[in-house]
Amino acid sequence: MKLLLILLAISYPVLVHAAVISGSERLIVVCIALLGTLLIAPGLREGRRFAWLAAPMIVIAIVLLARAHAGWLPLYAPPVLVNSFLAWLFGRTLRSGQIPLIERLARLMHDPAEQLDAAVPMYARRLTFAWTVLFCTMALLNLLLALCAVPSGILALLNVDPPVEVSLQTWSLFANVLNYLIAGGFFLAEYAYRQRRFPNQPYRNLFDFIRRATALSRRALSPRQP
């Protein structure tokens, strides 16, 4: 189930962009259904009542949106909400008395008895701040593009003329393609710089780092600091 959800999540932005390029209303409905599935599938798997109650409501919402030709509205939400959530995950650890998220991950990756480089805490705080700013910026840009997209942007669907008009293709290119390229490019550039700045690392290569970071992510995100 976890692998299936990952595959569905990866295919979602591809399908949305395909729907924009093709202008297919049927594909839009498929994208909304896929989005709803991603939201409630974990709850359905665990047998949670709210997920089973939400399933028919999602079906009804899809039908109503399709009839109102407002199927685009739910598709504008994920790029804004996901980036906002990621900004919150990083930003909340920058508060006074908290250990920045990147420093938490660095400490978990090293042996508890190992002394971290004295420059790591400040570097980790600045990097955590940089990720927070990046995700905040992308969330804001996604929202602005969704508001100003024509002919099916949020303002247009509300019969309000946007101050600046952008095409749906422009919104989709940023929301479903460039978002991932920007975040991935930042990650790779930072990793390459980190390898030079701090050459003595507990992981062997990029893939080993991703594997370890994924395994430790739950502990790093825990309110209880390592």
Protein backbone atom coordinates (compact mmCIF):
# COMPACT_ATOMS: atom_id res chain seq x y z
CA MET A 1 0.00 0.00 0.00
CA LYS A 2 2.82 2.41 0.85
CA LEU A 3 4.50 1.77 -2.51
CA LEU A 4 1.16 2.25 -4.29
CA LEU A 5 0.58 5.58 -2.56
CA ILE A 6 4.08 6.73 -3.51
CA LEU A 7 3.44 5.83 -7.15
CA LEU A 8 0.08 7.61 -7.11
CA ALA A 9 1.66 10.71 -5.53
CA ILE A 10 4.36 10.76 -8.22
CA SER A 11 1.84 10.31 -11.02
CA TYR A 12 -0.50 13.04 -9.71
CA PRO A 13 1.43 16.16 -10.93
CA VAL A 14 2.12 14.41 -14.24
CA LEU A 15 -1.59 13.76 -14.78
CA VAL A 16 -2.53 17.32 -13.77
CA HIS A 17 -0.05 18.78 -16.24
CA ALA A 18 -1.34 16.42 -18.92
CA ALA A 19 -4.89 17.57 -18.16
CA VAL A 20 -3.83 21.20 -18.60
CA ILE A 21 -2.02 20.57 -21.87
CA SER A 22 -4.83 18.46 -23.32
CA GLY A 23 -7.73 20.42 -21.86
CA SER A 24 -9.47 17.12 -21.08
CA GLU A 25 -12.30 17.48 -18.57
CA ARG A 26 -12.34 13.71 -18.06
CA LEU A 27 -8.68 13.79 -17.08
CA ILE A 28 -9.44 16.62 -14.65
CA VAL A 29 -12.03 14.39 -12.97
CA VAL A 30 -9.44 11.59 -12.79
CA CYS A 31 -6.98 13.99 -11.12
CA ILE A 32 -9.55 15.05 -8.52
CA ALA A 33 -10.40 11.42 -7.82
CA LEU A 34 -6.71 10.61 -7.47
CA LEU A 35 -6.23 13.53 -5.09
CA GLY A 36 -9.13 12.33 -2.97
CA THR A 37 -7.71 8.81 -2.94
CA LEU A 38 -4.34 10.07 -1.72
CA LEU A 39 -6.04 11.95 1.10
CA ILE A 40 -8.17 9.13 2.48
CA ALA A 41 -6.29 5.96 1.45
CA PRO A 42 -4.17 5.80 4.65
CA GLY A 43 -7.34 6.14 6.74
CA LEU A 44 -9.16 3.49 4.70
CA ARG A 45 -6.23 1.13 5.14
CA GLU A 46 -6.33 1.61 8.91
CA GLY A 47 -10.12 1.26 9.00
CA ARG A 48 -10.74 4.75 10.34
CA ARG A 49 -14.40 5.76 10.30
CA PHE A 50 -13.83 9.31 9.04
CA ALA A 51 -12.10 7.99 5.91
CA TRP A 52 -15.00 5.70 5.03
CA LEU A 53 -17.44 8.56 5.65
CA ALA A 54 -15.35 10.90 3.51
CA ALA A 55 -15.26 8.55 0.50
CA PRO A 56 -18.89 9.12 -0.65
CA MET A 57 -18.56 12.85 0.10
CA ILE A 58 -15.55 13.04 -2.22
CA VAL A 59 -17.53 11.29 -4.97
CA ILE A 60 -20.39 13.77 -4.54
CA ALA A 61 -17.95 16.70 -4.59
CA ILE A 62 -16.38 15.43 -7.82
CA VAL A 63 -19.80 15.22 -9.49
CA LEU A 64 -20.81 18.71 -8.32
CA LEU A 65 -17.54 20.29 -9.39
CA ALA A 66 -17.72 18.62 -12.79
CA ARG A 67 -21.27 19.88 -13.36
CA ALA A 68 -20.28 23.39 -12.28
CA HIS A 69 -17.20 23.30 -14.57
CA ALA A 70 -15.13 24.15 -11.50
CA GLY A 71 -13.02 21.02 -11.45
CA TRP A 72 -9.84 23.07 -11.37
CA LEU A 73 -10.44 24.42 -7.87
CA PRO A 74 -9.22 21.37 -5.87
CA LEU A 75 -6.15 21.06 -8.11
CA TYR A 76 -4.89 24.49 -7.06
CA ALA A 77 -4.68 23.48 -3.40
CA PRO A 78 -1.91 20.82 -3.22
CA PRO A 79 1.03 22.97 -4.46
CA VAL A 80 0.10 25.70 -1.98
CA LEU A 81 -0.72 23.45 0.97
CA VAL A 82 2.21 21.05 0.53
CA ASN A 83 4.77 23.87 0.32
CA SER A 84 3.14 25.66 3.26
CA PHE A 85 3.23 22.46 5.32
CA LEU A 86 6.91 21.86 4.50
CA ALA A 87 7.72 25.48 5.39
CA TRP A 88 5.97 24.95 8.73
CA LEU A 89 7.88 21.70 9.38
CA PHE A 90 11.21 23.47 8.94
CA GLY A 91 10.23 26.85 10.36
CA ARG A 92 8.74 25.61 13.63
CA THR A 93 12.16 24.24 14.66
CA LEU A 94 13.71 27.70 14.37
CA ARG A 95 11.85 28.98 17.42
CA SER A 96 13.76 29.87 20.55
CA GLY A 97 14.66 26.80 22.57
CA GLN A 98 14.27 24.44 19.57
CA ILE A 99 16.95 22.54 17.70
CA PRO A 100 16.75 23.33 13.95
CA LEU A 101 15.50 20.41 11.87
CA ILE A 102 18.73 20.01 9.88
CA GLU A 103 20.79 19.93 13.07
CA ARG A 104 18.45 17.30 14.53
CA LEU A 105 19.00 15.13 11.47
CA ALA A 106 22.78 15.66 11.61
CA ARG A 107 22.93 14.65 15.27
CA LEU A 108 20.83 11.54 14.64
CA MET A 109 23.08 10.47 11.79
CA HIS A 110 26.24 10.71 13.88
CA ASP A 111 27.15 8.51 16.79
CA PRO A 112 25.91 10.08 20.07
CA ALA A 113 29.45 10.00 21.44
CA GLU A 114 30.84 11.74 18.36
CA GLN A 115 31.59 15.45 18.63
CA LEU A 116 30.03 17.44 15.79
CA ASP A 117 32.07 20.01 13.92
CA ALA A 118 31.69 23.34 15.75
CA ALA A 119 30.46 24.96 12.54
CA VAL A 120 27.60 22.48 12.03
CA PRO A 121 24.96 24.05 14.35
CA MET A 122 25.14 27.48 12.70
CA TYR A 123 25.26 25.96 9.21
CA ALA A 124 22.28 23.74 10.06
CA ARG A 125 20.26 26.68 11.38
CA ARG A 126 20.95 28.74 8.27
CA LEU A 127 20.09 25.80 6.02
CA THR A 128 16.85 25.16 7.91
CA PHE A 129 15.98 28.83 7.47
CA ALA A 130 16.83 28.64 3.75
CA TRP A 131 14.48 25.67 3.24
CA THR A 132 11.76 27.53 5.14
CA VAL A 133 12.12 30.59 2.91
CA LEU A 134 12.20 28.45 -0.24
CA PHE A 135 8.99 26.60 0.61
CA CYS A 136 7.24 29.81 1.72
CA THR A 137 8.20 31.49 -1.54
CA MET A 138 6.97 28.59 -3.66
CA ALA A 139 3.69 28.42 -1.72
CA LEU A 140 3.11 32.14 -2.32
CA LEU A 141 3.99 31.93 -6.02
CA ASN A 142 1.70 28.93 -6.47
CA LEU A 143 -1.14 30.82 -4.82
CA LEU A 144 -0.62 33.95 -6.93
CA LEU A 145 -0.49 31.94 -10.16
CA ALA A 146 -3.61 30.00 -9.18
CA LEU A 147 -5.45 33.26 -8.47
CA CYS A 148 -4.44 34.87 -11.77
CA ALA A 149 -4.69 31.88 -14.12
CA VAL A 150 -7.11 32.18 -17.03
CA PRO A 151 -9.59 31.03 -18.07
CA SER A 152 -10.10 28.74 -15.05
CA GLY A 153 -8.13 30.38 -12.26
CA ILE A 154 -9.59 31.01 -8.81
CA LEU A 155 -10.48 34.65 -9.49
CA ALA A 156 -11.86 33.82 -12.93
CA LEU A 157 -14.08 31.08 -11.49
CA LEU A 158 -15.36 33.67 -9.01
CA ASN A 159 -16.08 36.06 -11.93
CA VAL A 160 -13.36 38.47 -10.77
CA ASP A 161 -10.90 39.92 -13.26
CA PRO A 162 -7.34 39.10 -12.11
CA PRO A 163 -4.94 42.07 -11.95
CA VAL A 164 -2.46 40.10 -14.07
CA GLU A 165 -3.41 37.25 -16.36
CA VAL A 166 -1.32 34.09 -16.69
CA SER A 167 -2.17 30.99 -18.66
CA LEU A 168 -3.16 27.70 -17.10
CA GLN A 169 -0.10 26.23 -18.80
CA THR A 170 2.12 28.69 -16.90
CA TRP A 171 0.51 27.79 -13.58
CA SER A 172 0.82 24.07 -14.25
CA LEU A 173 4.41 24.34 -15.44
CA PHE A 174 5.39 25.97 -12.17
CA ALA A 175 3.11 23.98 -9.86
CA ASN A 176 3.63 20.53 -11.34
CA VAL A 177 7.11 20.70 -12.85
CA LEU A 178 9.29 23.59 -11.70
CA ASN A 179 8.37 23.15 -8.02
CA TYR A 180 10.05 19.77 -7.98
CA LEU A 181 12.98 20.85 -10.13
CA ILE A 182 13.69 23.87 -7.92
CA ALA A 183 13.52 21.87 -4.69
CA GLY A 184 15.56 19.03 -6.19
CA GLY A 185 18.15 21.43 -7.59
CA PHE A 186 18.50 23.19 -4.25
CA PHE A 187 18.91 19.84 -2.49
CA LEU A 188 21.60 18.62 -4.89
CA ALA A 189 23.50 21.93 -4.85
CA GLU A 190 23.47 22.02 -1.05
CA TYR A 191 24.59 18.39 -0.85
CA ALA A 192 27.53 19.06 -3.19
CA TYR A 193 28.55 22.12 -1.14
CA ARG A 194 28.17 20.21 2.15
CA GLN A 195 30.46 17.47 0.89
CA ARG A 196 33.21 20.05 0.44
CA ARG A 197 32.45 22.03 3.58
CA PHE A 198 32.12 18.97 5.84
CA PRO A 199 33.90 16.06 4.11
CA ASN A 200 33.79 13.70 7.13
CA GLN A 201 30.26 12.37 6.99
CA PRO A 202 28.75 9.09 8.29
CA TYR A 203 27.09 8.30 4.94
CA ARG A 204 28.89 6.95 1.87
CA ASN A 205 27.13 8.82 -0.93
CA LEU A 206 23.98 10.68 -1.91
CA PHE A 207 21.80 7.57 -2.02
CA ASP A 208 23.05 6.40 1.36
CA PHE A 209 22.29 9.86 2.78
CA ILE A 210 18.73 9.77 1.38
CA ARG A 211 18.21 6.27 2.78
CA ARG A 212 19.41 7.27 6.25
CA ALA A 213 17.54 10.59 6.23
CA THR A 214 14.31 8.82 5.28
CA ALA A 215 14.76 6.25 8.04
CA LEU A 216 15.44 8.97 10.63
CA SER A 217 12.84 11.49 9.44
CA ARG A 218 10.19 10.49 11.97
CA ARG A 219 12.59 10.90 14.90
CA ALA A 220 13.89 14.21 13.51
CA LEU A 221 10.34 15.55 13.17
CA SER A 222 9.31 14.44 16.64
CA PRO A 223 8.55 17.24 19.10
CA ARG A 224 10.99 15.52 21.45
CA GLN A 225 14.39 16.78 20.46
CA PRO A 226 17.21 14.27 19.97
